Structures are given as structure tokens and as C-alpha cells.
Amino acid sequence: DIWERHFLDSAQLYPHLSERPGLIDFGSGAGFPGAVLALLGAQDVHLVESDSRKCAFLRELDRQLGLGMTIHEERIDHLTPWKASSLTARALASLPKLLDMAEEFLTPETVILFPKGETVDQELTEASKGWNMTVSRLASRTSPTSVILRLTRVERKK
């Protein structure tokens, strides 16, 4: 069911975003979760997607809905970093890889929201080898075997 699997799965992140504007969604694809969060009211939303066809779709979606999103058509590792209040990525990479990608975009106050599945414990164990962070596990409303990781105070171990 597209509404539950994609829209609700994305929308459930909204209450957990930082109260400050400035959301970055890595690997936005068709706009999940970034465009859904913008539709719900998230401000200063940046979608990062390297596929030009997907970016064309996202630009048209933004134009038709008047969401005011910024679409970045490039690879994450080619972006000039800026500091995010909130950062999301859905089904993009393992937690250690996501944190490596996100590092230059983070402040101690950045709220990171990553939906994760059955490998969450393994990913947290691996990530804890190189990262300090405060972790909250939020129950997923769309899957009993999934969680939403809400990470704050994320910093690489010295």
C-alpha cells in the first residue's frame, strides 16, 4: 500500500524534527521523506538526489505544490556542506555510512531521523565504534520490525 509504505512512513517523522527550519534529505528519490515533510510544514527543505530524472520529478512536484524546496542535483559527497537543523535519509545506506556522509552537515543540535529495519542493532553497534551520539528508538507506525532512530549530539570519536 503506497499510502502506508511511503506516505505514512515519511509523515511519521514530522513530529520528531527539530523545531528550527533547515531540513536536509539525503537520497530523496521520489521525495520520501523530504517532500512529504515539506508538505506537512517543514521549512527550508533541501532534497539531495543525484539522479537527474528524479530531480526533474522533484522540481515539478515542488512547482505544482508550491513547497519552496531546494533540489540539489548532485552526489552528497560533492555538495558544499552547510549546517542542518534536521537531517533524514530513508533506505539509502547503513548507519555508519550515513553518519560519514552527514558529518560535515551536523552541529551538536542537529536532529537526525533515520528509519531503520531489522539490522538496526548491528548498525548501531558498528556506528558506536566510531561515533558518540544520543540515540532514541522511536516505534515505527508502519512496521513492527522497524524503528526510527532519532540521533542527537552526534560527533566522531577522537
C-alpha atoms as a PDB file:
ATOM      1  CA  ASP A   1       0.000   0.000   0.000  1.00  0.00           C
ATOM      2  CA  ILE A   2       1.704   3.171  -1.230  1.00  0.00           C
ATOM      3  CA  TRP A   3      -0.043   5.389   1.343  1.00  0.00           C
ATOM      4  CA  GLU A   4       1.202   3.447   4.335  1.00  0.00           C
ATOM      5  CA  ARG A   5       4.519   2.199   2.959  1.00  0.00           C
ATOM      6  CA  HIS A   6       5.691   5.575   1.637  1.00  0.00           C
ATOM      7  CA  PHE A   7       3.500   8.489   2.746  1.00  0.00           C
ATOM      8  CA  LEU A   8       2.764   7.475   6.353  1.00  0.00           C
ATOM      9  CA  ASP A   9       6.276   6.076   6.742  1.00  0.00           C
ATOM     10  CA  SER A  10       7.598   9.535   5.791  1.00  0.00           C
ATOM     11  CA  ALA A  11       4.965  11.569   7.651  1.00  0.00           C
ATOM     12  CA  GLN A  12       5.635   9.818  10.950  1.00  0.00           C
ATOM     13  CA  LEU A  13       8.988  11.640  11.105  1.00  0.00           C
ATOM     14  CA  TYR A  14       7.404  15.102  11.216  1.00  0.00           C
ATOM     15  CA  PRO A  15       6.746  15.363  14.986  1.00  0.00           C
ATOM     16  CA  HIS A  16      10.365  14.425  15.694  1.00  0.00           C
ATOM     17  CA  LEU A  17      12.067  17.093  13.546  1.00  0.00           C
ATOM     18  CA  SER A  18      13.954  19.965  15.107  1.00  0.00           C
ATOM     19  CA  GLU A  19      11.727  22.959  15.775  1.00  0.00           C
ATOM     20  CA  ARG A  20      14.184  25.087  13.766  1.00  0.00           C
ATOM     21  CA  PRO A  21      13.936  25.298   9.947  1.00  0.00           C
ATOM     22  CA  GLY A  22      16.594  23.630   7.829  1.00  0.00           C
ATOM     23  CA  LEU A  23      15.953  20.016   6.810  1.00  0.00           C
ATOM     24  CA  ILE A  24      18.273  18.052   4.529  1.00  0.00           C
ATOM     25  CA  ASP A  25      17.012  14.810   2.982  1.00  0.00           C
ATOM     26  CA  PHE A  26      19.804  12.677   1.519  1.00  0.00           C
ATOM     27  CA  GLY A  27      18.913  10.388  -1.401  1.00  0.00           C
ATOM     28  CA  SER A  28      15.451  11.875  -1.823  1.00  0.00           C
ATOM     29  CA  GLY A  29      14.392   9.696  -4.757  1.00  0.00           C
ATOM     30  CA  ALA A  30      10.694  10.388  -5.325  1.00  0.00           C
ATOM     31  CA  GLY A  31      10.554  12.755  -2.340  1.00  0.00           C
ATOM     32  CA  PHE A  32      10.289  10.331   0.552  1.00  0.00           C
ATOM     33  CA  PRO A  33      10.549  11.565   3.226  1.00  0.00           C
ATOM     34  CA  GLY A  34      11.676  15.141   2.394  1.00  0.00           C
ATOM     35  CA  ALA A  35       8.840  16.293   0.132  1.00  0.00           C
ATOM     36  CA  VAL A  36       6.223  14.752   2.429  1.00  0.00           C
ATOM     37  CA  LEU A  37       7.752  16.616   5.380  1.00  0.00           C
ATOM     38  CA  ALA A  38       7.704  19.867   3.374  1.00  0.00           C
ATOM     39  CA  LEU A  39       4.052  19.245   2.540  1.00  0.00           C
ATOM     40  CA  LEU A  40       3.350  18.855   6.272  1.00  0.00           C
ATOM     41  CA  GLY A  41       5.029  22.187   7.033  1.00  0.00           C
ATOM     42  CA  ALA A  42       8.781  21.619   7.405  1.00  0.00           C
ATOM     43  CA  GLN A  43      10.590  24.812   6.399  1.00  0.00           C
ATOM     44  CA  ASP A  44      13.792  25.347   4.398  1.00  0.00           C
ATOM     45  CA  VAL A  45      13.775  21.806   2.983  1.00  0.00           C
ATOM     46  CA  HIS A  46      16.718  20.653   0.854  1.00  0.00           C
ATOM     47  CA  LEU A  47      16.407  17.457  -1.186  1.00  0.00           C
ATOM     48  CA  VAL A  48      19.663  15.858  -2.323  1.00  0.00           C
ATOM     49  CA  GLU A  49      19.399  13.475  -5.264  1.00  0.00           C
ATOM     50  CA  SER A  50      21.972  12.607  -7.933  1.00  0.00           C
ATOM     51  CA  ASP A  51      19.561  11.097 -10.497  1.00  0.00           C
ATOM     52  CA  SER A  52      18.552  13.812 -12.995  1.00  0.00           C
ATOM     53  CA  ARG A  53      15.205  12.162 -13.844  1.00  0.00           C
ATOM     54  CA  LYS A  54      14.231  12.030 -10.175  1.00  0.00           C
ATOM     55  CA  CYS A  55      15.318  15.662  -9.750  1.00  0.00           C
ATOM     56  CA  ALA A  56      13.117  16.695 -12.695  1.00  0.00           C
ATOM     57  CA  PHE A  57      10.196  14.993 -10.977  1.00  0.00           C
ATOM     58  CA  LEU A  58      11.014  16.692  -7.662  1.00  0.00           C
ATOM     59  CA  ARG A  59      11.235  20.122  -9.327  1.00  0.00           C
ATOM     60  CA  GLU A  60       7.844  19.618 -10.975  1.00  0.00           C
ATOM     61  CA  LEU A  61       6.349  18.394  -7.695  1.00  0.00           C
ATOM     62  CA  ASP A  62       7.738  21.462  -5.943  1.00  0.00           C
ATOM     63  CA  ARG A  63       6.428  23.779  -8.683  1.00  0.00           C
ATOM     64  CA  GLN A  64       2.934  22.305  -8.671  1.00  0.00           C
ATOM     65  CA  LEU A  65       2.583  22.208  -4.886  1.00  0.00           C
ATOM     66  CA  GLY A  66       4.446  25.454  -4.172  1.00  0.00           C
ATOM     67  CA  LEU A  67       6.504  23.929  -1.393  1.00  0.00           C
ATOM     68  CA  GLY A  68       9.597  26.112  -1.837  1.00  0.00           C
ATOM     69  CA  MET A  69      12.016  23.181  -1.603  1.00  0.00           C
ATOM     70  CA  THR A  70      15.601  23.403  -2.820  1.00  0.00           C
ATOM     71  CA  ILE A  71      16.609  20.490  -5.058  1.00  0.00           C
ATOM     72  CA  HIS A  72      20.318  19.636  -5.185  1.00  0.00           C
ATOM     73  CA  GLU A  73      21.093  17.505  -8.245  1.00  0.00           C
ATOM     74  CA  GLU A  74      24.422  16.052  -7.182  1.00  0.00           C
ATOM     75  CA  ARG A  75      26.087  13.403  -5.127  1.00  0.00           C
ATOM     76  CA  ILE A  76      26.211  14.032  -1.392  1.00  0.00           C
ATOM     77  CA  ASP A  77      29.997  13.898  -1.351  1.00  0.00           C
ATOM     78  CA  HIS A  78      30.144  16.686  -3.984  1.00  0.00           C
ATOM     79  CA  LEU A  79      27.945  19.129  -2.064  1.00  0.00           C
ATOM     80  CA  THR A  80      29.397  22.156  -0.329  1.00  0.00           C
ATOM     81  CA  PRO A  81      28.274  21.429   3.244  1.00  0.00           C
ATOM     82  CA  TRP A  82      26.027  23.694   5.310  1.00  0.00           C
ATOM     83  CA  LYS A  83      24.671  23.109   8.795  1.00  0.00           C
ATOM     84  CA  ALA A  84      21.307  21.373   9.122  1.00  0.00           C
ATOM     85  CA  SER A  85      18.761  21.575  11.914  1.00  0.00           C
ATOM     86  CA  SER A  86      17.354  18.188  10.863  1.00  0.00           C
ATOM     87  CA  LEU A  87      18.690  15.506   8.550  1.00  0.00           C
ATOM     88  CA  THR A  88      16.903  12.480   7.102  1.00  0.00           C
ATOM     89  CA  ALA A  89      17.643   9.590   4.774  1.00  0.00           C
ATOM     90  CA  ARG A  90      15.419   6.633   4.009  1.00  0.00           C
ATOM     91  CA  ALA A  91      16.726   3.321   2.666  1.00  0.00           C
ATOM     92  CA  LEU A  92      19.987   4.894   1.497  1.00  0.00           C
ATOM     93  CA  ALA A  93      22.840   3.215   3.392  1.00  0.00           C
ATOM     94  CA  SER A  94      23.917   1.638   6.663  1.00  0.00           C
ATOM     95  CA  LEU A  95      24.108   3.854   9.741  1.00  0.00           C
ATOM     96  CA  PRO A  96      27.935   4.135   9.776  1.00  0.00           C
ATOM     97  CA  LYS A  97      27.927   5.183   6.098  1.00  0.00           C
ATOM     98  CA  LEU A  98      25.092   7.653   6.663  1.00  0.00           C
ATOM     99  CA  LEU A  99      26.987   9.273   9.535  1.00  0.00           C
ATOM    100  CA  ASP A 100      30.107   9.556   7.381  1.00  0.00           C
ATOM    101  CA  MET A 101      28.022  11.299   4.688  1.00  0.00           C
ATOM    102  CA  ALA A 102      26.319  13.584   7.200  1.00  0.00           C
ATOM    103  CA  GLU A 103      29.337  14.610   9.284  1.00  0.00           C
ATOM    104  CA  GLU A 104      30.047  17.976   7.638  1.00  0.00           C
ATOM    105  CA  PHE A 105      26.358  18.962   7.828  1.00  0.00           C
ATOM    106  CA  LEU A 106      25.978  18.390  11.577  1.00  0.00           C
ATOM    107  CA  THR A 107      26.004  20.599  14.646  1.00  0.00           C
ATOM    108  CA  PRO A 108      25.597  19.296  18.204  1.00  0.00           C
ATOM    109  CA  GLU A 109      21.924  20.360  17.941  1.00  0.00           C
ATOM    110  CA  THR A 110      21.148  18.651  14.618  1.00  0.00           C
ATOM    111  CA  VAL A 111      18.323  16.120  14.861  1.00  0.00           C
ATOM    112  CA  ILE A 112      18.924  13.074  12.668  1.00  0.00           C
ATOM    113  CA  LEU A 113      15.999  10.827  11.772  1.00  0.00           C
ATOM    114  CA  PHE A 114      16.776   7.532  10.062  1.00  0.00           C
ATOM    115  CA  PRO A 115      14.085   4.879   9.595  1.00  0.00           C
ATOM    116  CA  LYS A 116      15.754   1.502  10.098  1.00  0.00           C
ATOM    117  CA  GLY A 117      14.719  -2.141   9.843  1.00  0.00           C
ATOM    118  CA  GLU A 118      15.801  -5.425  11.350  1.00  0.00           C
ATOM    119  CA  THR A 119      19.545  -4.677  11.147  1.00  0.00           C
ATOM    120  CA  VAL A 120      19.276  -1.647  13.456  1.00  0.00           C
ATOM    121  CA  ASP A 121      21.119  -3.279  16.389  1.00  0.00           C
ATOM    122  CA  GLN A 122      24.009  -4.375  14.191  1.00  0.00           C
ATOM    123  CA  GLU A 123      24.201  -0.919  12.589  1.00  0.00           C
ATOM    124  CA  LEU A 124      24.184   0.829  15.988  1.00  0.00           C
ATOM    125  CA  THR A 125      26.947  -1.466  17.280  1.00  0.00           C
ATOM    126  CA  GLU A 126      29.081  -0.747  14.222  1.00  0.00           C
ATOM    127  CA  ALA A 127      28.411   3.001  14.352  1.00  0.00           C
ATOM    128  CA  SER A 128      29.252   3.210  18.060  1.00  0.00           C
ATOM    129  CA  LYS A 129      32.829   2.170  17.255  1.00  0.00           C
ATOM    130  CA  GLY A 130      33.468   5.496  15.543  1.00  0.00           C
ATOM    131  CA  TRP A 131      30.738   7.821  16.789  1.00  0.00           C
ATOM    132  CA  ASN A 132      29.391   9.279  20.021  1.00  0.00           C
ATOM    133  CA  MET A 133      25.682  10.080  19.920  1.00  0.00           C
ATOM    134  CA  THR A 134      22.496  10.188  21.915  1.00  0.00           C
ATOM    135  CA  VAL A 135      20.140   7.579  20.490  1.00  0.00           C
ATOM    136  CA  SER A 136      16.369   7.401  20.831  1.00  0.00           C
ATOM    137  CA  ARG A 137      14.490   4.492  19.295  1.00  0.00           C
ATOM    138  CA  LEU A 138      11.028   5.511  18.221  1.00  0.00           C
ATOM    139  CA  ALA A 139       8.431   2.914  17.309  1.00  0.00           C
ATOM    140  CA  SER A 140       7.519   2.829  13.645  1.00  0.00           C
ATOM    141  CA  ARG A 141       3.827   3.266  12.900  1.00  0.00           C
ATOM    142  CA  THR A 142       4.169   1.330   9.648  1.00  0.00           C
ATOM    143  CA  SER A 143       6.155  -1.788  10.576  1.00  0.00           C
ATOM    144  CA  PRO A 144       6.517  -3.760  13.807  1.00  0.00           C
ATOM    145  CA  THR A 145      10.066  -4.758  12.809  1.00  0.00           C
ATOM    146  CA  SER A 146      11.212  -1.181  12.102  1.00  0.00           C
ATOM    147  CA  VAL A 147      12.236   1.775  14.228  1.00  0.00           C
ATOM    148  CA  ILE A 148      13.041   5.397  13.698  1.00  0.00           C
ATOM    149  CA  LEU A 149      16.453   6.305  15.034  1.00  0.00           C
ATOM    150  CA  ARG A 150      16.461   9.840  16.428  1.00  0.00           C
ATOM    151  CA  LEU A 151      20.076  10.839  16.922  1.00  0.00           C
ATOM    152  CA  THR A 152      21.381  13.986  18.575  1.00  0.00           C
ATOM    153  CA  ARG A 153      24.781  15.178  19.836  1.00  0.00           C
ATOM    154  CA  VAL A 154      26.440  13.178  17.065  1.00  0.00           C
ATOM    155  CA  GLU A 155      30.214  13.527  16.836  1.00  0.00           C
ATOM    156  CA  ARG A 156      33.036  11.393  15.554  1.00  0.00           C
ATOM    157  CA  LYS A 157      35.163   9.793  18.269  1.00  0.00           C
ATOM    158  CA  LYS A 158      38.599  11.344  18.622  1.00  0.00           C
END
